[in-house]
Amino acid sequence: MGNSGTIKTTCKILFFCILLLHLTAFAVLAEEGSGGDWRPVYDTIMLYVNFLILAYLLYRYGRQPFLQFLQTQKLQVSESIHKVEGRKEKLLAQINETQSQMQESSERYEKLKQRIIEEGEQTRQQIIDDARQQSKTMLEREKKNASRRLADARKNFMSELVDTASNLARNRLPEEITENDQDKLIDFYVASVNRMSG
């Protein structure tokens, strides 16, 4: 405390001396009639004196605000860095989550695609099997229909043939059957009836 107090006191005394010299000597030295070679030296000395005064004032009264400003800037920059790092971590987490979701979606898509292909194959095979069964059923039905139509056609043909033969026989038989043939037919008929009854 003693050493610091001495320096402060010395600085104050020096400051007041320079200020007093500056205020009192300015008017005397500024006169033009007192000699011409002192002015450049005076200007140079006053330049340094003014600079030292300004430096002292800046150090004395500007040091604390400047240090506080730097401290504030340091805290703001530190907070900004922490915020940016936090956002970076969040973005990285979102990117990782998005990548995992994309991977899961890709796997689900592949599974869904495979299942659809399998179901399509099963459906296609079922359609083919149904078509084969249906064609087999239709073929059997058509065979039965053809057999029935053929049987009906034969029956109709035989019926028409019998009718035609009967008509023909009715028309021609009376002319061609003799009494002797009629007796033979009657005997044949009686013999047939006896055989059936006996």
N, C-alpha and C. Protein backbone atom coordinates (compact mmCIF):
# COMPACT_ATOMS: atom_id res chain seq x y z
N MET A 1 0.83 -1.19 0.00
CA MET A 1 0.00 0.00 0.00
C MET A 1 0.87 1.24 0.00
N GLY A 2 2.00 1.20 0.71
CA GLY A 2 2.88 2.37 0.80
C GLY A 2 3.53 2.69 -0.53
N ASN A 3 4.01 1.69 -1.22
CA ASN A 3 4.68 1.87 -2.51
C ASN A 3 3.69 2.36 -3.55
N SER A 4 2.51 1.79 -3.56
CA SER A 4 1.48 2.19 -4.51
C SER A 4 1.02 3.61 -4.23
N GLY A 5 0.90 3.95 -2.95
CA GLY A 5 0.48 5.31 -2.59
C GLY A 5 1.52 6.33 -3.00
N THR A 6 2.81 5.98 -2.87
CA THR A 6 3.89 6.89 -3.26
C THR A 6 3.87 7.13 -4.76
N ILE A 7 3.65 6.10 -5.53
CA ILE A 7 3.60 6.24 -6.99
C ILE A 7 2.43 7.12 -7.38
N LYS A 8 1.31 6.92 -6.75
CA LYS A 8 0.13 7.73 -7.07
C LYS A 8 0.38 9.20 -6.73
N THR A 9 0.97 9.42 -5.58
CA THR A 9 1.25 10.80 -5.17
C THR A 9 2.24 11.45 -6.12
N THR A 10 3.28 10.72 -6.51
CA THR A 10 4.28 11.24 -7.44
C THR A 10 3.64 11.56 -8.78
N CYS A 11 2.78 10.71 -9.25
CA CYS A 11 2.09 10.94 -10.53
C CYS A 11 1.21 12.17 -10.45
N LYS A 12 0.54 12.35 -9.33
CA LYS A 12 -0.33 13.51 -9.17
C LYS A 12 0.49 14.80 -9.16
N ILE A 13 1.59 14.79 -8.43
CA ILE A 13 2.44 15.98 -8.37
C ILE A 13 2.99 16.29 -9.74
N LEU A 14 3.49 15.28 -10.43
CA LEU A 14 4.03 15.46 -11.78
C LEU A 14 2.96 16.00 -12.71
N PHE A 15 1.80 15.50 -12.61
CA PHE A 15 0.69 15.94 -13.46
C PHE A 15 0.37 17.42 -13.21
N PHE A 16 0.29 17.79 -11.95
CA PHE A 16 -0.03 19.19 -11.64
C PHE A 16 1.11 20.13 -12.04
N CYS A 17 2.34 19.68 -11.91
CA CYS A 17 3.47 20.51 -12.33
C CYS A 17 3.45 20.75 -13.82
N ILE A 18 3.20 19.69 -14.58
CA ILE A 18 3.15 19.83 -16.04
C ILE A 18 1.99 20.71 -16.43
N LEU A 19 0.89 20.55 -15.77
CA LEU A 19 -0.28 21.36 -16.07
C LEU A 19 -0.02 22.84 -15.75
N LEU A 20 0.60 23.10 -14.61
CA LEU A 20 0.93 24.47 -14.23
C LEU A 20 1.92 25.07 -15.21
N LEU A 21 2.96 24.30 -15.56
CA LEU A 21 3.94 24.76 -16.54
C LEU A 21 3.27 25.05 -17.86
N HIS A 22 2.40 24.22 -18.22
CA HIS A 22 1.71 24.36 -19.50
C HIS A 22 0.86 25.64 -19.51
N LEU A 23 0.14 25.88 -18.45
CA LEU A 23 -0.76 27.03 -18.40
C LEU A 23 0.01 28.36 -18.26
N THR A 24 1.07 28.36 -17.46
CA THR A 24 1.80 29.62 -17.24
C THR A 24 2.79 29.91 -18.34
N ALA A 25 3.45 28.90 -18.86
CA ALA A 25 4.49 29.14 -19.84
C ALA A 25 3.95 29.33 -21.24
N PHE A 26 2.74 28.96 -21.44
CA PHE A 26 2.19 29.03 -22.80
C PHE A 26 2.14 30.47 -23.30
N ALA A 27 1.65 31.34 -22.47
CA ALA A 27 1.53 32.74 -22.90
C ALA A 27 2.89 33.39 -23.08
N VAL A 28 3.83 33.08 -22.19
CA VAL A 28 5.16 33.70 -22.26
C VAL A 28 5.90 33.18 -23.48
N LEU A 29 5.91 31.89 -23.69
CA LEU A 29 6.68 31.31 -24.78
C LEU A 29 6.03 31.53 -26.14
N ALA A 30 4.77 31.84 -26.14
CA ALA A 30 4.09 31.99 -27.41
C ALA A 30 4.32 33.36 -28.03
N GLU A 31 4.93 34.28 -27.29
CA GLU A 31 5.17 35.59 -27.86
C GLU A 31 6.16 35.47 -28.99
N GLU A 32 5.96 36.26 -29.98
CA GLU A 32 6.81 36.17 -31.15
C GLU A 32 8.09 36.98 -30.99
N GLY A 33 8.10 37.91 -30.13
CA GLY A 33 9.27 38.77 -30.05
C GLY A 33 10.36 38.24 -29.16
N SER A 34 10.21 37.13 -28.53
CA SER A 34 11.21 36.65 -27.58
C SER A 34 12.28 35.79 -28.21
N GLY A 35 12.30 35.55 -29.43
CA GLY A 35 13.33 34.73 -30.09
C GLY A 35 12.68 33.74 -31.01
N GLY A 36 13.31 33.35 -32.12
CA GLY A 36 12.64 32.55 -33.10
C GLY A 36 12.96 31.08 -33.06
N ASP A 37 13.94 30.63 -32.35
CA ASP A 37 14.33 29.22 -32.43
C ASP A 37 13.74 28.36 -31.32
N TRP A 38 13.00 28.88 -30.44
CA TRP A 38 12.42 28.12 -29.33
C TRP A 38 11.11 27.44 -29.72
N ARG A 39 10.43 27.94 -30.75
CA ARG A 39 9.09 27.46 -31.07
C ARG A 39 9.07 25.98 -31.49
N PRO A 40 9.91 25.47 -32.36
CA PRO A 40 9.84 24.05 -32.71
C PRO A 40 10.13 23.14 -31.52
N VAL A 41 11.03 23.53 -30.65
CA VAL A 41 11.34 22.73 -29.48
C VAL A 41 10.13 22.72 -28.54
N TYR A 42 9.51 23.86 -28.37
CA TYR A 42 8.33 23.97 -27.51
C TYR A 42 7.20 23.10 -28.05
N ASP A 43 6.98 23.14 -29.35
CA ASP A 43 5.91 22.32 -29.95
C ASP A 43 6.17 20.83 -29.74
N THR A 44 7.40 20.41 -29.90
CA THR A 44 7.73 18.99 -29.72
C THR A 44 7.54 18.58 -28.27
N ILE A 45 7.99 19.45 -27.34
CA ILE A 45 7.84 19.13 -25.92
C ILE A 45 6.36 19.08 -25.56
N MET A 46 5.60 20.03 -26.01
CA MET A 46 4.17 20.06 -25.69
C MET A 46 3.45 18.84 -26.31
N LEU A 47 3.92 18.42 -27.48
CA LEU A 47 3.33 17.22 -28.10
C LEU A 47 3.51 16.00 -27.20
N TYR A 48 4.72 15.82 -26.68
CA TYR A 48 4.98 14.69 -25.79
C TYR A 48 4.23 14.84 -24.47
N VAL A 49 4.20 16.08 -23.95
CA VAL A 49 3.49 16.31 -22.69
C VAL A 49 2.01 16.01 -22.86
N ASN A 50 1.44 16.49 -23.93
CA ASN A 50 0.02 16.22 -24.18
C ASN A 50 -0.24 14.72 -24.36
N PHE A 51 0.68 14.06 -25.05
CA PHE A 51 0.53 12.61 -25.23
C PHE A 51 0.58 11.89 -23.89
N LEU A 52 1.52 12.30 -23.01
CA LEU A 52 1.63 11.67 -21.70
C LEU A 52 0.40 11.94 -20.86
N ILE A 53 -0.13 13.14 -20.95
CA ILE A 53 -1.35 13.46 -20.20
C ILE A 53 -2.51 12.59 -20.70
N LEU A 54 -2.62 12.52 -22.01
CA LEU A 54 -3.69 11.69 -22.60
C LEU A 54 -3.53 10.23 -22.23
N ALA A 55 -2.30 9.73 -22.28
CA ALA A 55 -2.05 8.33 -21.93
C ALA A 55 -2.40 8.09 -20.46
N TYR A 56 -2.02 9.01 -19.59
CA TYR A 56 -2.33 8.86 -18.17
C TYR A 56 -3.84 8.86 -17.95
N LEU A 57 -4.53 9.79 -18.57
CA LEU A 57 -5.99 9.86 -18.41
C LEU A 57 -6.66 8.58 -18.93
N LEU A 58 -6.19 8.13 -20.07
CA LEU A 58 -6.77 6.88 -20.61
C LEU A 58 -6.49 5.70 -19.68
N TYR A 59 -5.27 5.65 -19.16
CA TYR A 59 -4.94 4.55 -18.25
C TYR A 59 -5.75 4.67 -16.97
N ARG A 60 -5.82 5.86 -16.43
CA ARG A 60 -6.46 6.07 -15.13
C ARG A 60 -7.96 5.84 -15.20
N TYR A 61 -8.60 6.43 -16.20
CA TYR A 61 -10.06 6.38 -16.24
C TYR A 61 -10.62 5.40 -17.29
N GLY A 62 -9.80 4.99 -18.19
CA GLY A 62 -10.30 4.09 -19.24
C GLY A 62 -9.94 2.64 -19.06
N ARG A 63 -9.03 2.36 -18.13
CA ARG A 63 -8.58 0.98 -17.96
C ARG A 63 -9.70 0.09 -17.45
N GLN A 64 -10.39 0.47 -16.41
CA GLN A 64 -11.45 -0.35 -15.83
C GLN A 64 -12.59 -0.57 -16.83
N PRO A 65 -13.12 0.49 -17.45
CA PRO A 65 -14.18 0.25 -18.43
C PRO A 65 -13.73 -0.64 -19.59
N PHE A 66 -12.45 -0.41 -20.03
CA PHE A 66 -11.94 -1.23 -21.13
C PHE A 66 -11.82 -2.69 -20.71
N LEU A 67 -11.33 -2.93 -19.49
CA LEU A 67 -11.22 -4.31 -19.00
C LEU A 67 -12.61 -4.93 -18.82
N GLN A 68 -13.55 -4.12 -18.32
CA GLN A 68 -14.91 -4.63 -18.19
C GLN A 68 -15.52 -4.94 -19.56
N PHE A 69 -15.23 -4.06 -20.53
CA PHE A 69 -15.71 -4.31 -21.89
C PHE A 69 -15.13 -5.61 -22.44
N LEU A 70 -13.82 -5.79 -22.24
CA LEU A 70 -13.19 -7.03 -22.71
C LEU A 70 -13.77 -8.25 -21.99
N GLN A 71 -14.01 -8.11 -20.68
CA GLN A 71 -14.59 -9.23 -19.93
C GLN A 71 -16.00 -9.55 -20.44
N THR A 72 -16.79 -8.49 -20.70
CA THR A 72 -18.14 -8.67 -21.22
C THR A 72 -18.10 -9.34 -22.59
N GLN A 73 -17.18 -8.86 -23.43
CA GLN A 73 -17.05 -9.46 -24.76
C GLN A 73 -16.63 -10.93 -24.65
N LYS A 74 -15.73 -11.20 -23.71
CA LYS A 74 -15.28 -12.58 -23.51
C LYS A 74 -16.45 -13.46 -23.11
N LEU A 75 -17.29 -12.96 -22.17
CA LEU A 75 -18.45 -13.74 -21.73
C LEU A 75 -19.45 -13.93 -22.87
N GLN A 76 -19.68 -12.87 -23.64
CA GLN A 76 -20.62 -12.98 -24.76
C GLN A 76 -20.12 -13.97 -25.81
N VAL A 77 -18.83 -13.87 -26.11
CA VAL A 77 -18.27 -14.80 -27.10
C VAL A 77 -18.32 -16.23 -26.56
N SER A 78 -18.04 -16.39 -25.27
CA SER A 78 -18.09 -17.73 -24.67
C SER A 78 -19.52 -18.28 -24.71
N GLU A 79 -20.50 -17.42 -24.38
CA GLU A 79 -21.90 -17.86 -24.45
C GLU A 79 -22.29 -18.21 -25.88
N SER A 80 -21.84 -17.38 -26.82
CA SER A 80 -22.15 -17.66 -28.23
C SER A 80 -21.55 -18.99 -28.66
N ILE A 81 -20.31 -19.23 -28.22
CA ILE A 81 -19.66 -20.50 -28.58
C ILE A 81 -20.42 -21.67 -27.97
N HIS A 82 -20.85 -21.52 -26.70
CA HIS A 82 -21.62 -22.60 -26.06
C HIS A 82 -22.94 -22.82 -26.78
N LYS A 83 -23.60 -21.71 -27.17
CA LYS A 83 -24.87 -21.85 -27.90
C LYS A 83 -24.65 -22.56 -29.23
N VAL A 84 -23.60 -22.14 -29.94
CA VAL A 84 -23.31 -22.76 -31.24
C VAL A 84 -22.97 -24.23 -31.06
N GLU A 85 -22.20 -24.55 -30.03
CA GLU A 85 -21.87 -25.96 -29.77
C GLU A 85 -23.12 -26.75 -29.42
N GLY A 86 -24.02 -26.13 -28.61
CA GLY A 86 -25.28 -26.80 -28.28
C GLY A 86 -26.11 -27.05 -29.52
N ARG A 87 -26.20 -26.03 -30.40
CA ARG A 87 -26.95 -26.22 -31.65
C ARG A 87 -26.28 -27.28 -32.53
N LYS A 88 -24.94 -27.26 -32.52
CA LYS A 88 -24.21 -28.26 -33.31
C LYS A 88 -24.54 -29.66 -32.81
N GLU A 89 -24.54 -29.84 -31.48
CA GLU A 89 -24.86 -31.15 -30.91
C GLU A 89 -26.29 -31.56 -31.26
N LYS A 90 -27.22 -30.59 -31.17
CA LYS A 90 -28.61 -30.90 -31.52
C LYS A 90 -28.71 -31.30 -32.99
N LEU A 91 -28.03 -30.53 -33.85
CA LEU A 91 -28.07 -30.85 -35.28
C LEU A 91 -27.46 -32.22 -35.56
N LEU A 92 -26.33 -32.51 -34.89
CA LEU A 92 -25.72 -33.83 -35.09
C LEU A 92 -26.66 -34.94 -34.61
N ALA A 93 -27.33 -34.69 -33.48
CA ALA A 93 -28.29 -35.69 -32.98
C ALA A 93 -29.45 -35.85 -33.98
N GLN A 94 -29.93 -34.72 -34.52
CA GLN A 94 -31.01 -34.81 -35.51
C GLN A 94 -30.54 -35.52 -36.77
N ILE A 95 -29.31 -35.24 -37.19
CA ILE A 95 -28.77 -35.91 -38.39
C ILE A 95 -28.67 -37.41 -38.14
N ASN A 96 -28.15 -37.79 -36.97
CA ASN A 96 -28.05 -39.22 -36.64
C ASN A 96 -29.42 -39.87 -36.58
N GLU A 97 -30.38 -39.16 -35.97
CA GLU A 97 -31.74 -39.71 -35.88
C GLU A 97 -32.35 -39.85 -37.27
N THR A 98 -32.13 -38.83 -38.10
CA THR A 98 -32.66 -38.88 -39.47
C THR A 98 -32.04 -40.03 -40.25
N GLN A 99 -30.73 -40.21 -40.08
CA GLN A 99 -30.06 -41.32 -40.77
C GLN A 99 -30.59 -42.67 -40.29
N SER A 100 -30.80 -42.79 -38.98
CA SER A 100 -31.33 -44.07 -38.48
C SER A 100 -32.76 -44.28 -38.97
N GLN A 101 -33.56 -43.20 -39.02
CA GLN A 101 -34.92 -43.33 -39.54
C GLN A 101 -34.90 -43.71 -41.02
N MET A 102 -33.97 -43.11 -41.77
CA MET A 102 -33.85 -43.47 -43.19
C MET A 102 -33.46 -44.93 -43.34
N GLN A 103 -32.55 -45.40 -42.49
CA GLN A 103 -32.14 -46.80 -42.54
C GLN A 103 -33.32 -47.71 -42.22
N GLU A 104 -34.08 -47.34 -41.16
CA GLU A 104 -35.25 -48.15 -40.80
C GLU A 104 -36.28 -48.12 -41.91
N SER A 105 -36.48 -46.94 -42.51
CA SER A 105 -37.45 -46.83 -43.60
C SER A 105 -37.01 -47.68 -44.79
N SER A 106 -35.71 -47.68 -45.06
CA SER A 106 -35.20 -48.49 -46.16
C SER A 106 -35.43 -49.97 -45.88
N GLU A 107 -35.16 -50.39 -44.64
CA GLU A 107 -35.38 -51.79 -44.29
C GLU A 107 -36.86 -52.15 -44.36
N ARG A 108 -37.73 -51.24 -43.86
CA ARG A 108 -39.17 -51.50 -43.94
C ARG A 108 -39.63 -51.55 -45.39
N TYR A 109 -39.07 -50.68 -46.21
CA TYR A 109 -39.43 -50.67 -47.63
C TYR A 109 -39.04 -51.99 -48.28
N GLU A 110 -37.84 -52.47 -47.98
CA GLU A 110 -37.40 -53.74 -48.56
C GLU A 110 -38.29 -54.90 -48.10
N LYS A 111 -38.63 -54.91 -46.80
CA LYS A 111 -39.51 -55.96 -46.28
C LYS A 111 -40.89 -55.88 -46.94
N LEU A 112 -41.42 -54.66 -47.04
CA LEU A 112 -42.73 -54.47 -47.66
C LEU A 112 -42.69 -54.89 -49.12
N LYS A 113 -41.62 -54.51 -49.81
CA LYS A 113 -41.46 -54.88 -51.22
C LYS A 113 -41.42 -56.40 -51.37
N GLN A 114 -40.64 -57.06 -50.50
CA GLN A 114 -40.53 -58.52 -50.56
C GLN A 114 -41.88 -59.17 -50.27
N ARG A 115 -42.61 -58.65 -49.27
CA ARG A 115 -43.92 -59.21 -48.93
C ARG A 115 -44.90 -59.02 -50.08
N ILE A 116 -44.87 -57.85 -50.71
CA ILE A 116 -45.78 -57.60 -51.84
C ILE A 116 -45.45 -58.54 -52.99
N ILE A 117 -44.14 -58.75 -53.24
CA ILE A 117 -43.74 -59.67 -54.31
C ILE A 117 -44.22 -61.08 -54.00
N GLU A 118 -44.04 -61.51 -52.74
CA GLU A 118 -44.49 -62.86 -52.36
C GLU A 118 -46.00 -62.99 -52.48
N GLU A 119 -46.73 -61.96 -52.01
CA GLU A 119 -48.19 -62.01 -52.13
C GLU A 119 -48.61 -62.01 -53.59
N GLY A 120 -47.90 -61.24 -54.41
CA GLY A 120 -48.20 -61.22 -55.84
C GLY A 120 -47.97 -62.58 -56.48
N GLU A 121 -46.87 -63.23 -56.09
CA GLU A 121 -46.59 -64.57 -56.62
C GLU A 121 -47.67 -65.56 -56.18
N GLN A 122 -48.06 -65.47 -54.90
CA GLN A 122 -49.11 -66.37 -54.41
C GLN A 122 -50.43 -66.11 -55.13
N THR A 123 -50.75 -64.83 -55.31
CA THR A 123 -51.99 -64.48 -56.01
C THR A 123 -51.95 -64.96 -57.45
N ARG A 124 -50.80 -64.75 -58.11
CA ARG A 124 -50.65 -65.20 -59.50
C ARG A 124 -50.81 -66.71 -59.59
N GLN A 125 -50.17 -67.45 -58.66
CA GLN A 125 -50.28 -68.90 -58.67
C GLN A 125 -51.71 -69.33 -58.39
N GLN A 126 -52.38 -68.63 -57.46
CA GLN A 126 -53.78 -68.95 -57.15
C GLN A 126 -54.66 -68.72 -58.38
N ILE A 127 -54.41 -67.62 -59.09
CA ILE A 127 -55.20 -67.33 -60.30
C ILE A 127 -54.96 -68.41 -61.35
N ILE A 128 -53.68 -68.81 -61.50
CA ILE A 128 -53.37 -69.86 -62.48
C ILE A 128 -54.06 -71.16 -62.09
N ASP A 129 -53.97 -71.52 -60.79
CA ASP A 129 -54.61 -72.75 -60.34
C ASP A 129 -56.13 -72.69 -60.52
N ASP A 130 -56.72 -71.53 -60.19
CA ASP A 130 -58.17 -71.37 -60.38
C ASP A 130 -58.55 -71.48 -61.85
N ALA A 131 -57.72 -70.88 -62.72
CA ALA A 131 -58.02 -70.93 -64.16
C ALA A 131 -57.91 -72.37 -64.67
N ARG A 132 -56.90 -73.10 -64.19
CA ARG A 132 -56.77 -74.50 -64.61
C ARG A 132 -57.98 -75.31 -64.15
N GLN A 133 -58.35 -75.11 -62.87
CA GLN A 133 -59.49 -75.84 -62.33
C GLN A 133 -60.76 -75.48 -63.09
N GLN A 134 -60.92 -74.19 -63.36
CA GLN A 134 -62.12 -73.75 -64.07
C GLN A 134 -62.14 -74.30 -65.50
N SER A 135 -60.98 -74.29 -66.16
CA SER A 135 -60.95 -74.83 -67.53
C SER A 135 -61.21 -76.33 -67.51
N LYS A 136 -60.67 -77.02 -66.49
CA LYS A 136 -60.92 -78.46 -66.38
C LYS A 136 -62.41 -78.73 -66.16
N THR A 137 -63.02 -77.92 -65.26
CA THR A 137 -64.45 -78.09 -64.99
C THR A 137 -65.26 -77.79 -66.24
N MET A 138 -64.90 -76.72 -66.93
CA MET A 138 -65.63 -76.37 -68.16
C MET A 138 -65.47 -77.45 -69.22
N LEU A 139 -64.25 -78.01 -69.33
CA LEU A 139 -64.00 -79.05 -70.31
C LEU A 139 -64.83 -80.30 -70.00
N GLU A 140 -64.86 -80.67 -68.71
CA GLU A 140 -65.67 -81.84 -68.33
C GLU A 140 -67.15 -81.57 -68.59
N ARG A 141 -67.61 -80.36 -68.28
CA ARG A 141 -69.01 -80.02 -68.51
C ARG A 141 -69.33 -80.06 -70.01
N GLU A 142 -68.41 -79.55 -70.81
CA GLU A 142 -68.63 -79.56 -72.26
C GLU A 142 -68.61 -81.00 -72.80
N LYS A 143 -67.72 -81.84 -72.22
CA LYS A 143 -67.71 -83.24 -72.65
C LYS A 143 -69.05 -83.90 -72.33
N LYS A 144 -69.54 -83.64 -71.10
CA LYS A 144 -70.84 -84.21 -70.73
C LYS A 144 -71.94 -83.67 -71.63
N ASN A 145 -71.90 -82.36 -71.89
CA ASN A 145 -72.92 -81.78 -72.78
C ASN A 145 -72.83 -82.37 -74.18
N ALA A 146 -71.58 -82.54 -74.65
CA ALA A 146 -71.40 -83.12 -75.99
C ALA A 146 -71.90 -84.56 -76.02
N SER A 147 -71.57 -85.32 -74.94
CA SER A 147 -72.04 -86.71 -74.88
C SER A 147 -73.56 -86.75 -74.83
N ARG A 148 -74.16 -85.86 -74.04
CA ARG A 148 -75.61 -85.83 -73.94
C ARG A 148 -76.24 -85.42 -75.27
N ARG A 149 -75.66 -84.41 -75.91
CA ARG A 149 -76.21 -84.00 -77.22
C ARG A 149 -76.05 -85.11 -78.25
N LEU A 150 -74.90 -85.81 -78.17
CA LEU A 150 -74.68 -86.92 -79.10
C LEU A 150 -75.70 -88.03 -78.83
N ALA A 151 -75.93 -88.31 -77.53
CA ALA A 151 -76.92 -89.34 -77.19
C ALA A 151 -78.31 -88.90 -77.63
N ASP A 152 -78.64 -87.60 -77.42
CA ASP A 152 -79.94 -87.08 -77.86
C ASP A 152 -80.06 -87.15 -79.38
N ALA A 153 -78.95 -86.81 -80.05
CA ALA A 153 -78.98 -86.85 -81.52
C ALA A 153 -79.17 -88.29 -82.00
N ARG A 154 -78.48 -89.24 -81.35
CA ARG A 154 -78.65 -90.65 -81.74
C ARG A 154 -80.09 -91.09 -81.50
N LYS A 155 -80.58 -90.68 -80.32
CA LYS A 155 -81.95 -91.07 -79.97
C LYS A 155 -82.94 -90.49 -80.97
N ASN A 156 -82.74 -89.19 -81.29
CA ASN A 156 -83.62 -88.56 -82.29
C ASN A 156 -83.47 -89.22 -83.66
N PHE A 157 -82.21 -89.51 -83.98
CA PHE A 157 -81.98 -90.16 -85.26
C PHE A 157 -82.63 -91.54 -85.31
N MET A 158 -82.46 -92.30 -84.20
CA MET A 158 -83.07 -93.63 -84.16
C MET A 158 -84.59 -93.53 -84.18
N SER A 159 -85.09 -92.52 -83.46
CA SER A 159 -86.55 -92.35 -83.45
C SER A 159 -87.06 -91.99 -84.84
N GLU A 160 -86.34 -91.07 -85.50
CA GLU A 160 -86.73 -90.70 -86.86
C GLU A 160 -86.56 -91.89 -87.81
N LEU A 161 -85.47 -92.64 -87.57
CA LEU A 161 -85.23 -93.81 -88.42
C LEU A 161 -86.35 -94.84 -88.24
N VAL A 162 -86.73 -95.04 -86.98
CA VAL A 162 -87.82 -95.99 -86.72
C VAL A 162 -89.11 -95.48 -87.32
N ASP A 163 -89.38 -94.16 -87.14
CA ASP A 163 -90.61 -93.60 -87.72
C ASP A 163 -90.61 -93.72 -89.24
N THR A 164 -89.45 -93.40 -89.80
CA THR A 164 -89.35 -93.49 -91.26
C THR A 164 -89.52 -94.94 -91.72
N ALA A 165 -88.86 -95.86 -91.00
CA ALA A 165 -88.98 -97.27 -91.37
C ALA A 165 -90.40 -97.76 -91.16
N SER A 166 -91.01 -97.27 -90.08
CA SER A 166 -92.38 -97.67 -89.80
C SER A 166 -93.32 -97.15 -90.88
N ASN A 167 -93.14 -95.89 -91.25
CA ASN A 167 -93.98 -95.33 -92.32
C ASN A 167 -93.74 -96.06 -93.64
N LEU A 168 -92.49 -96.31 -93.87
CA LEU A 168 -92.16 -97.02 -95.10
C LEU A 168 -92.76 -98.43 -95.08
N ALA A 169 -92.65 -99.07 -93.92
CA ALA A 169 -93.19 -100.42 -93.81
C ALA A 169 -94.70 -100.39 -93.92
N ARG A 170 -95.33 -99.40 -93.33
CA ARG A 170 -96.78 -99.31 -93.41
C ARG A 170 -97.25 -99.11 -94.86
N ASN A 171 -96.46 -98.36 -95.54
CA ASN A 171 -96.86 -98.09 -96.92
C ASN A 171 -96.53 -99.27 -97.83
N ARG A 172 -95.43 -99.92 -97.60
CA ARG A 172 -95.01 -100.96 -98.53
C ARG A 172 -95.44 -102.36 -98.09
N LEU A 173 -95.56 -102.59 -96.80
CA LEU A 173 -95.87 -103.93 -96.35
C LEU A 173 -97.24 -104.45 -96.84
N PRO A 174 -98.24 -103.68 -96.77
CA PRO A 174 -99.51 -104.25 -97.23
C PRO A 174 -99.43 -104.74 -98.67
N GLU A 175 -98.58 -104.13 -99.41
CA GLU A 175 -98.49 -104.56 -100.80
C GLU A 175 -97.64 -105.82 -100.93
N GLU A 176 -96.67 -105.97 -100.04
CA GLU A 176 -95.73 -107.06 -100.23
C GLU A 176 -95.99 -108.26 -99.32
N ILE A 177 -96.73 -108.12 -98.27
CA ILE A 177 -96.98 -109.27 -97.39
C ILE A 177 -98.16 -110.09 -97.97
N THR A 178 -97.88 -111.34 -97.96
CA THR A 178 -98.90 -112.27 -98.47
C THR A 178 -99.59 -112.93 -97.29
N GLU A 179 -100.55 -113.72 -97.60
CA GLU A 179 -101.31 -114.42 -96.55
C GLU A 179 -100.41 -115.40 -95.83
N ASN A 180 -99.58 -115.97 -96.52
CA ASN A 180 -98.65 -116.91 -95.95
C ASN A 180 -97.71 -116.20 -94.98
N ASP A 181 -97.23 -114.99 -95.34
CA ASP A 181 -96.35 -114.21 -94.46
C ASP A 181 -97.11 -113.79 -93.21
N GLN A 182 -98.35 -113.44 -93.35
CA GLN A 182 -99.14 -113.03 -92.19
C GLN A 182 -99.31 -114.20 -91.24
N ASP A 183 -99.53 -115.39 -91.75
CA ASP A 183 -99.66 -116.56 -90.88
C ASP A 183 -98.35 -116.82 -90.13
N LYS A 184 -97.26 -116.67 -90.82
CA LYS A 184 -95.95 -116.87 -90.17
C LYS A 184 -95.74 -115.84 -89.06
N LEU A 185 -96.11 -114.61 -89.30
CA LEU A 185 -95.95 -113.56 -88.29
C LEU A 185 -96.82 -113.84 -87.08
N ILE A 186 -98.01 -114.27 -87.31
CA ILE A 186 -98.90 -114.57 -86.19
C ILE A 186 -98.33 -115.74 -85.39
N ASP A 187 -97.85 -116.76 -86.07
CA ASP A 187 -97.25 -117.89 -85.36
C ASP A 187 -96.01 -117.44 -84.56
N PHE A 188 -95.22 -116.57 -85.16
CA PHE A 188 -94.03 -116.06 -84.47
C PHE A 188 -94.42 -115.25 -83.24
N TYR A 189 -95.47 -114.47 -83.35
CA TYR A 189 -95.93 -113.65 -82.24
C TYR A 189 -96.45 -114.54 -81.11
N VAL A 190 -97.23 -115.56 -81.43
CA VAL A 190 -97.79 -116.46 -80.42
C VAL A 190 -96.66 -117.23 -79.74
N ALA A 191 -95.68 -117.64 -80.50
CA ALA A 191 -94.55 -118.37 -79.91
C ALA A 191 -93.78 -117.46 -78.97
N SER A 192 -93.62 -116.21 -79.35
CA SER A 192 -92.90 -115.26 -78.49
C SER A 192 -93.66 -115.04 -77.20
N VAL A 193 -94.96 -114.91 -77.26
CA VAL A 193 -95.77 -114.68 -76.06
C VAL A 193 -95.70 -115.92 -75.17
N ASN A 194 -95.74 -117.10 -75.75
CA ASN A 194 -95.67 -118.33 -74.95
C ASN A 194 -94.31 -118.43 -74.25
N ARG A 195 -93.29 -118.08 -74.93
CA ARG A 195 -91.96 -118.15 -74.31
C ARG A 195 -91.85 -117.16 -73.14
N MET A 196 -92.43 -116.00 -73.31
CA MET A 196 -92.35 -115.00 -72.25
C MET A 196 -93.20 -115.42 -71.05
N SER A 197 -94.32 -116.04 -71.30
CA SER A 197 -95.18 -116.43 -70.19
C SER A 197 -94.71 -117.74 -69.56
N GLY A 198 -94.06 -118.53 -70.28
CA GLY A 198 -93.73 -119.84 -69.83
C GLY A 198 -92.41 -120.10 -69.37
